[in-house]
Amino acid sequence: MIYRLKFDRNRFLSFDITPEQWMEKLGPSYIFMLDEPQWSDFWPPINGQFFNHSDGDKLPKVPEICVWFMHDLVLNAEVRKALEQDHPEWIQSCGELLPIRCENIDYYVWHITHIVDDKCIDNTRSQRLLEESGHIELQALAFKPCAESDLPLFHTHYDGARALFCNDTFKQWVDGRGLQGLVFDTQLANPF
């Protein structure tokens, strides 16, 4: 089974890097730099922050692993260590790990660069609206079984690589480790 990864904003704090931090570290061209497939060549020592983005009255807690930017992951040092111990082959095959600091604590952005082959999209059950501006609005998305056997984390060109998807192998690893902070959604076209 394939899942769309989302952050759990009602139970956990959300992660972000402020535009001011990007401007300070990379200058005004940072917006274009983040469109590059690889970030390790320009990634600076940078600070991120966790903030309350919930709708509830309870104060959410800091996640161990969460979605950032809708298509990357943020891991604490313990999750990185577990990942390196259990599945070191996933790190580079799915993307690149980049260091960040949050309140003087080490974290890592796992920038996912792997894009599943277009032949793994089930075009009979997928539908999208492609606007003249290039904006893609997914109305339905389904994958063929070949996506399940591919790498555990991936993007697709079908939605402009705007969402992060995973297979059962990744979900089982997260669940088996008891990691908190992710939502595994079976509604693949729903961004919220």
N, C-alpha and C. Protein backbone atom coordinates (compact mmCIF):
# COMPACT_ATOMS: atom_id res chain seq x y z
N MET A 1 0.84 -1.18 0.00
CA MET A 1 0.00 0.00 0.00
C MET A 1 0.88 1.25 0.00
N ILE A 2 0.39 2.29 -0.64
CA ILE A 2 1.09 3.58 -0.69
C ILE A 2 0.33 4.58 0.19
N TYR A 3 1.09 5.41 0.90
CA TYR A 3 0.52 6.43 1.76
C TYR A 3 1.08 7.80 1.39
N ARG A 4 0.27 8.81 1.61
CA ARG A 4 0.75 10.19 1.52
C ARG A 4 1.13 10.61 2.94
N LEU A 5 2.36 11.08 3.12
CA LEU A 5 2.83 11.50 4.43
C LEU A 5 2.40 12.93 4.71
N LYS A 6 1.91 13.16 5.91
CA LYS A 6 1.49 14.49 6.34
C LYS A 6 1.98 14.74 7.76
N PHE A 7 2.00 16.01 8.14
CA PHE A 7 2.33 16.32 9.52
C PHE A 7 1.06 16.33 10.35
N ASP A 8 1.20 15.98 11.61
CA ASP A 8 0.08 15.92 12.54
C ASP A 8 0.08 17.20 13.37
N ARG A 9 -0.48 18.25 12.81
CA ARG A 9 -0.37 19.58 13.42
C ARG A 9 -1.18 19.75 14.68
N ASN A 10 -2.12 18.87 14.95
CA ASN A 10 -2.91 19.00 16.18
C ASN A 10 -2.27 18.30 17.37
N ARG A 11 -1.39 17.36 17.12
CA ARG A 11 -0.72 16.66 18.22
C ARG A 11 0.75 17.06 18.36
N PHE A 12 1.32 17.60 17.27
CA PHE A 12 2.75 17.91 17.28
C PHE A 12 3.02 19.29 16.71
N LEU A 13 4.08 19.90 17.17
CA LEU A 13 4.50 21.19 16.64
C LEU A 13 4.92 21.02 15.18
N SER A 14 4.76 22.06 14.40
CA SER A 14 5.17 22.08 13.01
C SER A 14 6.59 22.63 12.91
N PHE A 15 7.30 22.25 11.87
CA PHE A 15 8.68 22.71 11.66
C PHE A 15 8.73 23.67 10.48
N ASP A 16 9.60 24.66 10.61
CA ASP A 16 9.85 25.55 9.48
C ASP A 16 11.19 26.25 9.64
N ILE A 17 11.66 26.78 8.55
CA ILE A 17 12.83 27.67 8.51
C ILE A 17 12.29 28.99 7.98
N THR A 18 12.48 30.05 8.73
CA THR A 18 11.87 31.33 8.37
C THR A 18 12.52 31.92 7.12
N PRO A 19 11.77 32.71 6.36
CA PRO A 19 12.36 33.40 5.21
C PRO A 19 13.54 34.28 5.62
N GLU A 20 13.47 34.86 6.80
CA GLU A 20 14.58 35.70 7.28
C GLU A 20 15.85 34.88 7.46
N GLN A 21 15.71 33.65 7.96
CA GLN A 21 16.87 32.77 8.13
C GLN A 21 17.45 32.39 6.77
N TRP A 22 16.57 32.08 5.81
CA TRP A 22 17.06 31.77 4.46
C TRP A 22 17.78 32.97 3.85
N MET A 23 17.18 34.15 3.99
CA MET A 23 17.79 35.37 3.42
C MET A 23 19.16 35.62 4.03
N GLU A 24 19.26 35.45 5.35
CA GLU A 24 20.53 35.68 6.03
C GLU A 24 21.61 34.71 5.56
N LYS A 25 21.23 33.46 5.35
CA LYS A 25 22.21 32.42 4.99
C LYS A 25 22.49 32.32 3.50
N LEU A 26 21.47 32.56 2.65
CA LEU A 26 21.63 32.32 1.21
C LEU A 26 21.35 33.52 0.33
N GLY A 27 20.75 34.57 0.90
CA GLY A 27 20.42 35.73 0.09
C GLY A 27 19.10 35.55 -0.62
N PRO A 28 18.71 36.54 -1.43
CA PRO A 28 17.39 36.51 -2.06
C PRO A 28 17.19 35.38 -3.08
N SER A 29 18.25 34.77 -3.54
CA SER A 29 18.12 33.69 -4.52
C SER A 29 17.73 32.36 -3.88
N TYR A 30 17.54 32.34 -2.55
CA TYR A 30 17.23 31.08 -1.88
C TYR A 30 15.96 30.42 -2.45
N ILE A 31 15.00 31.22 -2.90
CA ILE A 31 13.75 30.67 -3.43
C ILE A 31 14.03 29.76 -4.63
N PHE A 32 14.93 30.20 -5.49
CA PHE A 32 15.26 29.40 -6.68
C PHE A 32 16.15 28.22 -6.31
N MET A 33 17.00 28.41 -5.31
CA MET A 33 17.90 27.34 -4.90
C MET A 33 17.12 26.13 -4.38
N LEU A 34 16.01 26.38 -3.70
CA LEU A 34 15.22 25.28 -3.15
C LEU A 34 14.47 24.49 -4.22
N ASP A 35 14.48 24.98 -5.45
CA ASP A 35 13.92 24.22 -6.57
C ASP A 35 14.93 23.25 -7.16
N GLU A 36 16.17 23.35 -6.75
CA GLU A 36 17.21 22.45 -7.25
C GLU A 36 16.97 21.03 -6.73
N PRO A 37 17.35 20.02 -7.51
CA PRO A 37 17.13 18.64 -7.06
C PRO A 37 17.99 18.26 -5.85
N GLN A 38 19.20 18.76 -5.77
CA GLN A 38 20.10 18.48 -4.66
C GLN A 38 20.38 19.77 -3.90
N TRP A 39 20.40 19.68 -2.58
CA TRP A 39 20.64 20.87 -1.76
C TRP A 39 21.99 20.84 -1.05
N SER A 40 22.65 19.71 -1.01
CA SER A 40 23.87 19.58 -0.21
C SER A 40 24.98 20.52 -0.69
N ASP A 41 25.00 20.89 -1.95
CA ASP A 41 26.05 21.78 -2.46
C ASP A 41 25.98 23.19 -1.89
N PHE A 42 24.80 23.63 -1.50
CA PHE A 42 24.66 25.00 -1.00
C PHE A 42 24.10 25.07 0.42
N TRP A 43 23.80 23.93 1.03
CA TRP A 43 23.15 23.93 2.34
C TRP A 43 24.04 24.58 3.40
N PRO A 44 23.57 25.66 4.03
CA PRO A 44 24.38 26.34 5.04
C PRO A 44 24.07 25.83 6.45
N PRO A 45 24.93 26.16 7.41
CA PRO A 45 24.53 25.92 8.81
C PRO A 45 23.32 26.82 9.07
N ILE A 46 22.18 26.22 9.36
CA ILE A 46 20.94 27.00 9.42
C ILE A 46 20.11 26.57 10.62
N ASN A 47 19.31 27.50 11.12
CA ASN A 47 18.45 27.24 12.26
C ASN A 47 17.00 27.12 11.81
N GLY A 48 16.33 26.12 12.34
CA GLY A 48 14.91 25.95 12.11
C GLY A 48 14.17 26.22 13.41
N GLN A 49 12.87 26.08 13.34
CA GLN A 49 12.08 26.28 14.56
C GLN A 49 10.83 25.42 14.51
N PHE A 50 10.37 25.04 15.69
CA PHE A 50 9.09 24.37 15.83
C PHE A 50 8.09 25.38 16.34
N PHE A 51 6.88 25.35 15.81
CA PHE A 51 5.87 26.31 16.22
C PHE A 51 4.50 25.64 16.29
N ASN A 52 3.61 26.26 17.01
CA ASN A 52 2.27 25.72 17.19
C ASN A 52 1.38 26.14 16.02
N HIS A 53 0.96 25.17 15.25
CA HIS A 53 0.12 25.40 14.08
C HIS A 53 -1.22 24.68 14.25
N SER A 54 -1.52 24.31 15.50
CA SER A 54 -2.71 23.51 15.76
C SER A 54 -3.96 24.36 15.89
N ASP A 55 -5.09 23.69 15.85
CA ASP A 55 -6.39 24.35 16.05
C ASP A 55 -6.91 24.13 17.46
N GLY A 56 -6.24 23.29 18.23
CA GLY A 56 -6.75 22.90 19.54
C GLY A 56 -6.22 23.76 20.68
N ASP A 57 -6.73 23.46 21.87
CA ASP A 57 -6.32 24.17 23.08
C ASP A 57 -5.07 23.57 23.70
N LYS A 58 -4.81 22.29 23.46
CA LYS A 58 -3.64 21.64 24.03
C LYS A 58 -2.39 22.06 23.27
N LEU A 59 -1.31 22.24 24.01
CA LEU A 59 -0.04 22.59 23.38
C LEU A 59 0.58 21.33 22.79
N PRO A 60 0.76 21.27 21.48
CA PRO A 60 1.38 20.10 20.87
C PRO A 60 2.84 19.94 21.31
N LYS A 61 3.36 18.74 21.15
CA LYS A 61 4.74 18.48 21.53
C LYS A 61 5.64 18.41 20.30
N VAL A 62 6.94 18.42 20.52
CA VAL A 62 7.92 18.35 19.44
C VAL A 62 7.91 16.93 18.87
N PRO A 63 7.78 16.79 17.53
CA PRO A 63 7.76 15.45 16.93
C PRO A 63 9.17 14.87 16.86
N GLU A 64 9.23 13.55 16.77
CA GLU A 64 10.50 12.89 16.55
C GLU A 64 10.86 12.90 15.06
N ILE A 65 9.82 12.84 14.24
CA ILE A 65 9.94 12.86 12.79
C ILE A 65 8.70 13.57 12.25
N CYS A 66 8.88 14.45 11.29
CA CYS A 66 7.72 15.18 10.76
C CYS A 66 7.96 15.56 9.30
N VAL A 67 6.86 15.91 8.65
CA VAL A 67 6.93 16.38 7.27
C VAL A 67 7.19 17.87 7.29
N TRP A 68 8.08 18.31 6.43
CA TRP A 68 8.36 19.74 6.27
C TRP A 68 8.23 20.09 4.80
N PHE A 69 7.64 21.22 4.53
CA PHE A 69 7.56 21.71 3.16
C PHE A 69 6.67 20.81 2.31
N MET A 70 5.89 19.96 2.93
CA MET A 70 5.00 18.98 2.31
C MET A 70 5.73 17.87 1.56
N HIS A 71 7.05 17.96 1.41
CA HIS A 71 7.72 16.92 0.64
C HIS A 71 9.10 16.53 1.15
N ASP A 72 9.44 16.89 2.37
CA ASP A 72 10.68 16.45 2.99
C ASP A 72 10.38 16.05 4.43
N LEU A 73 11.35 15.42 5.08
CA LEU A 73 11.19 15.02 6.47
C LEU A 73 12.20 15.73 7.35
N VAL A 74 11.84 15.93 8.61
CA VAL A 74 12.76 16.43 9.62
C VAL A 74 12.85 15.36 10.69
N LEU A 75 14.08 14.99 11.05
CA LEU A 75 14.34 13.92 12.01
C LEU A 75 15.14 14.46 13.18
N ASN A 76 14.86 13.96 14.38
CA ASN A 76 15.76 14.29 15.48
C ASN A 76 16.97 13.36 15.40
N ALA A 77 17.95 13.59 16.25
CA ALA A 77 19.21 12.83 16.19
C ALA A 77 18.98 11.34 16.46
N GLU A 78 18.03 11.01 17.34
CA GLU A 78 17.76 9.61 17.66
C GLU A 78 17.16 8.87 16.45
N VAL A 79 16.28 9.55 15.72
CA VAL A 79 15.68 8.93 14.53
C VAL A 79 16.75 8.75 13.46
N ARG A 80 17.63 9.73 13.32
CA ARG A 80 18.72 9.58 12.34
C ARG A 80 19.58 8.37 12.69
N LYS A 81 19.91 8.22 13.97
CA LYS A 81 20.73 7.10 14.39
C LYS A 81 20.02 5.77 14.11
N ALA A 82 18.71 5.70 14.40
CA ALA A 82 17.94 4.49 14.14
C ALA A 82 17.90 4.18 12.65
N LEU A 83 17.72 5.22 11.84
CA LEU A 83 17.69 5.05 10.39
C LEU A 83 19.04 4.53 9.88
N GLU A 84 20.13 5.11 10.36
CA GLU A 84 21.46 4.66 9.94
C GLU A 84 21.73 3.22 10.38
N GLN A 85 21.19 2.84 11.52
CA GLN A 85 21.37 1.49 12.03
C GLN A 85 20.52 0.47 11.27
N ASP A 86 19.25 0.80 11.04
CA ASP A 86 18.32 -0.16 10.43
C ASP A 86 18.34 -0.18 8.91
N HIS A 87 18.43 0.99 8.30
CA HIS A 87 18.32 1.09 6.84
C HIS A 87 19.25 2.14 6.27
N PRO A 88 20.55 1.97 6.39
CA PRO A 88 21.47 2.99 5.85
C PRO A 88 21.34 3.15 4.34
N GLU A 89 20.87 2.12 3.65
CA GLU A 89 20.72 2.18 2.20
C GLU A 89 19.62 3.16 1.78
N TRP A 90 18.67 3.42 2.66
CA TRP A 90 17.58 4.35 2.33
C TRP A 90 18.05 5.79 2.26
N ILE A 91 19.03 6.15 3.07
CA ILE A 91 19.39 7.56 3.21
C ILE A 91 19.75 8.18 1.87
N GLN A 92 20.74 7.64 1.19
CA GLN A 92 21.16 8.23 -0.08
C GLN A 92 20.29 7.80 -1.25
N SER A 93 19.72 6.60 -1.18
CA SER A 93 18.90 6.18 -2.31
C SER A 93 17.59 6.97 -2.40
N CYS A 94 17.11 7.47 -1.26
CA CYS A 94 15.88 8.26 -1.26
C CYS A 94 16.15 9.76 -1.28
N GLY A 95 17.32 10.18 -0.85
CA GLY A 95 17.58 11.62 -0.80
C GLY A 95 18.91 11.94 -0.15
N GLU A 96 18.91 13.01 0.65
CA GLU A 96 20.13 13.46 1.32
C GLU A 96 19.77 14.02 2.70
N LEU A 97 20.64 13.73 3.68
CA LEU A 97 20.46 14.25 5.04
C LEU A 97 21.25 15.54 5.18
N LEU A 98 20.58 16.58 5.69
CA LEU A 98 21.19 17.90 5.84
C LEU A 98 21.01 18.38 7.27
N PRO A 99 22.09 18.86 7.90
CA PRO A 99 21.99 19.26 9.31
C PRO A 99 21.29 20.60 9.50
N ILE A 100 20.52 20.68 10.58
CA ILE A 100 19.91 21.93 11.02
C ILE A 100 19.98 21.97 12.54
N ARG A 101 19.73 23.14 13.11
CA ARG A 101 19.68 23.29 14.56
C ARG A 101 18.35 23.92 14.93
N CYS A 102 17.76 23.43 16.01
CA CYS A 102 16.53 23.99 16.55
C CYS A 102 16.72 24.13 18.05
N GLU A 103 16.73 25.36 18.52
CA GLU A 103 16.92 25.65 19.94
C GLU A 103 18.17 24.93 20.46
N ASN A 104 19.26 25.03 19.70
CA ASN A 104 20.56 24.45 20.04
C ASN A 104 20.56 22.92 20.12
N ILE A 105 19.63 22.29 19.44
CA ILE A 105 19.58 20.83 19.37
C ILE A 105 19.73 20.43 17.90
N ASP A 106 20.50 19.38 17.65
CA ASP A 106 20.71 18.90 16.29
C ASP A 106 19.49 18.17 15.75
N TYR A 107 19.11 18.53 14.53
CA TYR A 107 18.08 17.86 13.77
C TYR A 107 18.61 17.70 12.36
N TYR A 108 17.85 16.99 11.53
CA TYR A 108 18.27 16.76 10.15
C TYR A 108 17.07 16.86 9.22
N VAL A 109 17.27 17.55 8.11
CA VAL A 109 16.29 17.54 7.03
C VAL A 109 16.66 16.36 6.15
N TRP A 110 15.71 15.48 5.93
CA TRP A 110 15.91 14.40 4.96
C TRP A 110 15.21 14.86 3.70
N HIS A 111 16.00 15.49 2.83
CA HIS A 111 15.50 16.03 1.56
C HIS A 111 15.33 14.85 0.60
N ILE A 112 14.08 14.52 0.32
CA ILE A 112 13.77 13.36 -0.51
C ILE A 112 13.85 13.76 -1.98
N THR A 113 14.72 13.09 -2.70
CA THR A 113 14.96 13.42 -4.10
C THR A 113 14.49 12.33 -5.06
N HIS A 114 14.13 11.17 -4.53
CA HIS A 114 13.74 10.06 -5.39
C HIS A 114 12.35 10.31 -5.98
N ILE A 115 12.24 10.19 -7.29
CA ILE A 115 10.96 10.36 -7.99
C ILE A 115 10.62 9.04 -8.67
N VAL A 116 9.45 8.50 -8.30
CA VAL A 116 9.02 7.22 -8.85
C VAL A 116 8.74 7.38 -10.34
N ASP A 117 9.03 6.36 -11.09
CA ASP A 117 8.85 6.38 -12.54
C ASP A 117 7.38 6.62 -12.90
N ASP A 118 7.15 7.41 -13.93
CA ASP A 118 5.78 7.73 -14.37
C ASP A 118 4.98 6.48 -14.76
N LYS A 119 5.65 5.43 -15.13
CA LYS A 119 4.93 4.21 -15.50
C LYS A 119 4.24 3.58 -14.29
N CYS A 120 4.59 4.03 -13.08
CA CYS A 120 3.95 3.50 -11.86
C CYS A 120 2.67 4.23 -11.49
N ILE A 121 2.30 5.25 -12.25
CA ILE A 121 1.02 5.95 -12.04
C ILE A 121 -0.09 5.17 -12.75
N ASP A 122 -1.15 4.90 -12.04
CA ASP A 122 -2.32 4.24 -12.63
C ASP A 122 -3.18 5.33 -13.27
N ASN A 123 -2.99 5.56 -14.55
CA ASN A 123 -3.68 6.65 -15.26
C ASN A 123 -5.18 6.44 -15.38
N THR A 124 -5.65 5.21 -15.23
CA THR A 124 -7.09 4.96 -15.31
C THR A 124 -7.80 5.41 -14.03
N ARG A 125 -7.08 5.49 -12.91
CA ARG A 125 -7.68 5.90 -11.63
C ARG A 125 -7.12 7.22 -11.11
N SER A 126 -6.29 7.87 -11.88
CA SER A 126 -5.70 9.16 -11.48
C SER A 126 -6.25 10.27 -12.35
N GLN A 127 -6.40 11.42 -11.75
CA GLN A 127 -6.92 12.57 -12.50
C GLN A 127 -6.34 13.84 -11.88
N ARG A 128 -5.97 14.77 -12.75
CA ARG A 128 -5.44 16.04 -12.27
C ARG A 128 -5.90 17.17 -13.18
N LEU A 129 -5.89 18.36 -12.63
CA LEU A 129 -6.18 19.56 -13.40
C LEU A 129 -4.87 20.32 -13.54
N LEU A 130 -4.43 20.50 -14.77
CA LEU A 130 -3.19 21.20 -15.05
C LEU A 130 -3.53 22.57 -15.60
N GLU A 131 -3.26 23.61 -14.80
CA GLU A 131 -3.60 24.97 -15.21
C GLU A 131 -2.53 25.54 -16.14
N GLU A 132 -2.88 26.57 -16.87
CA GLU A 132 -1.95 27.22 -17.79
C GLU A 132 -0.69 27.70 -17.09
N SER A 133 -0.83 28.13 -15.85
CA SER A 133 0.30 28.63 -15.07
C SER A 133 1.27 27.53 -14.68
N GLY A 134 0.86 26.27 -14.87
CA GLY A 134 1.70 25.15 -14.48
C GLY A 134 1.27 24.54 -13.15
N HIS A 135 0.34 25.19 -12.45
CA HIS A 135 -0.17 24.66 -11.18
C HIS A 135 -0.90 23.36 -11.44
N ILE A 136 -0.66 22.36 -10.60
CA ILE A 136 -1.31 21.06 -10.72
C ILE A 136 -2.20 20.86 -9.51
N GLU A 137 -3.46 20.55 -9.78
CA GLU A 137 -4.39 20.21 -8.71
C GLU A 137 -4.80 18.76 -8.88
N LEU A 138 -4.42 17.93 -7.91
CA LEU A 138 -4.77 16.51 -7.97
C LEU A 138 -6.22 16.32 -7.59
N GLN A 139 -6.92 15.55 -8.38
CA GLN A 139 -8.30 15.21 -8.06
C GLN A 139 -8.40 13.75 -7.64
N ALA A 140 -7.52 12.92 -8.17
CA ALA A 140 -7.44 11.51 -7.78
C ALA A 140 -6.03 11.03 -8.12
N LEU A 141 -5.51 10.14 -7.30
CA LEU A 141 -4.18 9.60 -7.55
C LEU A 141 -4.14 8.15 -7.10
N ALA A 142 -3.64 7.30 -7.98
CA ALA A 142 -3.47 5.88 -7.66
C ALA A 142 -2.17 5.41 -8.30
N PHE A 143 -1.51 4.50 -7.63
CA PHE A 143 -0.25 3.95 -8.13
C PHE A 143 -0.45 2.49 -8.52
N LYS A 144 0.35 2.05 -9.47
CA LYS A 144 0.42 0.64 -9.82
C LYS A 144 1.32 -0.07 -8.79
N PRO A 145 1.27 -1.40 -8.74
CA PRO A 145 2.09 -2.13 -7.76
C PRO A 145 3.59 -1.85 -7.87
N CYS A 146 4.08 -1.42 -9.02
CA CYS A 146 5.52 -1.17 -9.14
C CYS A 146 5.99 -0.08 -8.18
N ALA A 147 5.12 0.85 -7.80
CA ALA A 147 5.51 1.91 -6.86
C ALA A 147 5.75 1.33 -5.47
N GLU A 148 5.00 0.28 -5.11
CA GLU A 148 5.15 -0.33 -3.79
C GLU A 148 6.48 -1.03 -3.64
N SER A 149 7.02 -1.54 -4.74
CA SER A 149 8.29 -2.25 -4.67
C SER A 149 9.48 -1.33 -4.87
N ASP A 150 9.22 -0.08 -5.17
CA ASP A 150 10.28 0.90 -5.36
C ASP A 150 10.82 1.32 -3.99
N LEU A 151 11.59 2.37 -3.94
CA LEU A 151 12.15 2.84 -2.67
C LEU A 151 11.04 3.27 -1.72
N PRO A 152 11.32 3.25 -0.42
CA PRO A 152 10.28 3.49 0.58
C PRO A 152 9.72 4.91 0.62
N LEU A 153 10.46 5.89 0.16
CA LEU A 153 10.00 7.28 0.14
C LEU A 153 10.22 7.84 -1.25
N PHE A 154 9.21 8.58 -1.75
CA PHE A 154 9.35 9.08 -3.11
C PHE A 154 8.37 10.21 -3.40
N HIS A 155 8.63 10.87 -4.50
CA HIS A 155 7.74 11.87 -5.09
C HIS A 155 7.29 11.34 -6.45
N THR A 156 6.39 12.08 -7.07
CA THR A 156 5.98 11.76 -8.43
C THR A 156 5.86 13.06 -9.22
N HIS A 157 6.19 12.99 -10.50
CA HIS A 157 6.01 14.15 -11.38
C HIS A 157 4.53 14.45 -11.61
N TYR A 158 3.69 13.46 -11.37
CA TYR A 158 2.26 13.61 -11.64
C TYR A 158 1.66 14.79 -10.87
N ASP A 159 2.16 15.04 -9.66
CA ASP A 159 1.68 16.18 -8.88
C ASP A 159 2.74 17.29 -8.77
N GLY A 160 3.73 17.24 -9.63
CA GLY A 160 4.79 18.24 -9.60
C GLY A 160 5.75 18.05 -8.44
N ALA A 161 5.84 16.83 -7.92
CA ALA A 161 6.70 16.48 -6.78
C ALA A 161 6.40 17.34 -5.57
N ARG A 162 5.13 17.64 -5.35
CA ARG A 162 4.74 18.50 -4.22
C ARG A 162 4.37 17.72 -2.98
N ALA A 163 4.16 16.43 -3.08
CA ALA A 163 3.78 15.62 -1.92
C ALA A 163 4.82 14.53 -1.70
N LEU A 164 4.81 13.99 -0.51
CA LEU A 164 5.73 12.91 -0.15
C LEU A 164 4.93 11.64 0.09
N PHE A 165 5.34 10.57 -0.57
CA PHE A 165 4.66 9.29 -0.48
C PHE A 165 5.61 8.25 0.08
N CYS A 166 5.03 7.23 0.69
CA CYS A 166 5.84 6.12 1.21
C CYS A 166 5.11 4.81 0.99
N ASN A 167 5.84 3.73 1.10
CA ASN A 167 5.23 2.41 0.98
C ASN A 167 5.09 1.79 2.37
N ASP A 168 4.54 0.58 2.42
CA ASP A 168 4.34 -0.12 3.70
C ASP A 168 5.65 -0.38 4.44
N THR A 169 6.72 -0.58 3.72
CA THR A 169 8.00 -0.85 4.36
C THR A 169 8.41 0.31 5.26
N PHE A 170 8.26 1.54 4.78
CA PHE A 170 8.60 2.70 5.59
C PHE A 170 7.63 2.84 6.76
N LYS A 171 6.33 2.67 6.51
CA LYS A 171 5.34 2.77 7.58
C LYS A 171 5.62 1.74 8.67
N GLN A 172 5.93 0.53 8.28
CA GLN A 172 6.22 -0.52 9.26
C GLN A 172 7.46 -0.18 10.08
N TRP A 173 8.46 0.44 9.45
CA TRP A 173 9.66 0.84 10.19
C TRP A 173 9.30 1.91 11.22
N VAL A 174 8.55 2.94 10.80
CA VAL A 174 8.15 4.01 11.71
C VAL A 174 7.31 3.44 12.86
N ASP A 175 6.32 2.62 12.53
CA ASP A 175 5.47 2.02 13.56
C ASP A 175 6.26 1.11 14.48
N GLY A 176 7.16 0.31 13.91
CA GLY A 176 7.96 -0.62 14.70
C GLY A 176 8.89 0.08 15.67
N ARG A 177 9.36 1.24 15.29
CA ARG A 177 10.23 2.04 16.15
C ARG A 177 9.43 2.92 17.11
N GLY A 178 8.11 2.99 16.90
CA GLY A 178 7.26 3.82 17.77
C GLY A 178 7.49 5.31 17.57
N LEU A 179 7.88 5.70 16.36
CA LEU A 179 8.18 7.11 16.10
C LEU A 179 6.90 7.92 15.96
N GLN A 180 6.92 9.12 16.51
CA GLN A 180 5.72 9.96 16.51
C GLN A 180 5.93 11.23 15.71
N GLY A 181 4.84 11.64 15.02
CA GLY A 181 4.87 12.90 14.30
C GLY A 181 4.33 12.84 12.89
N LEU A 182 4.12 11.64 12.35
CA LEU A 182 3.65 11.50 10.97
C LEU A 182 2.22 10.99 10.91
N VAL A 183 1.52 11.37 9.85
CA VAL A 183 0.22 10.82 9.52
C VAL A 183 0.39 10.09 8.19
N PHE A 184 -0.08 8.84 8.15
CA PHE A 184 -0.04 8.03 6.94
C PHE A 184 -1.44 8.03 6.35
N ASP A 185 -1.63 8.82 5.30
CA ASP A 185 -2.96 9.01 4.73
C ASP A 185 -3.13 8.18 3.47
N THR A 186 -4.23 7.43 3.39
CA THR A 186 -4.51 6.63 2.20
C THR A 186 -5.21 7.45 1.12
N GLN A 187 -5.66 8.67 1.46
CA GLN A 187 -6.26 9.57 0.49
C GLN A 187 -5.10 10.34 -0.20
N LEU A 188 -4.59 9.79 -1.27
CA LEU A 188 -3.35 10.28 -1.87
C LEU A 188 -3.47 11.64 -2.53
N ALA A 189 -4.64 12.03 -2.96
CA ALA A 189 -4.79 13.31 -3.65
C ALA A 189 -5.18 14.44 -2.70
N ASN A 190 -5.41 14.16 -1.45
CA ASN A 190 -5.87 15.16 -0.49
C ASN A 190 -4.68 15.79 0.23
N PRO A 191 -4.40 17.08 -0.01
CA PRO A 191 -3.24 17.69 0.65
C PRO A 191 -3.48 18.03 2.12
N PHE A 192 -4.72 18.06 2.59
CA PHE A 192 -4.99 18.51 3.96
C PHE A 192 -5.57 17.41 4.82
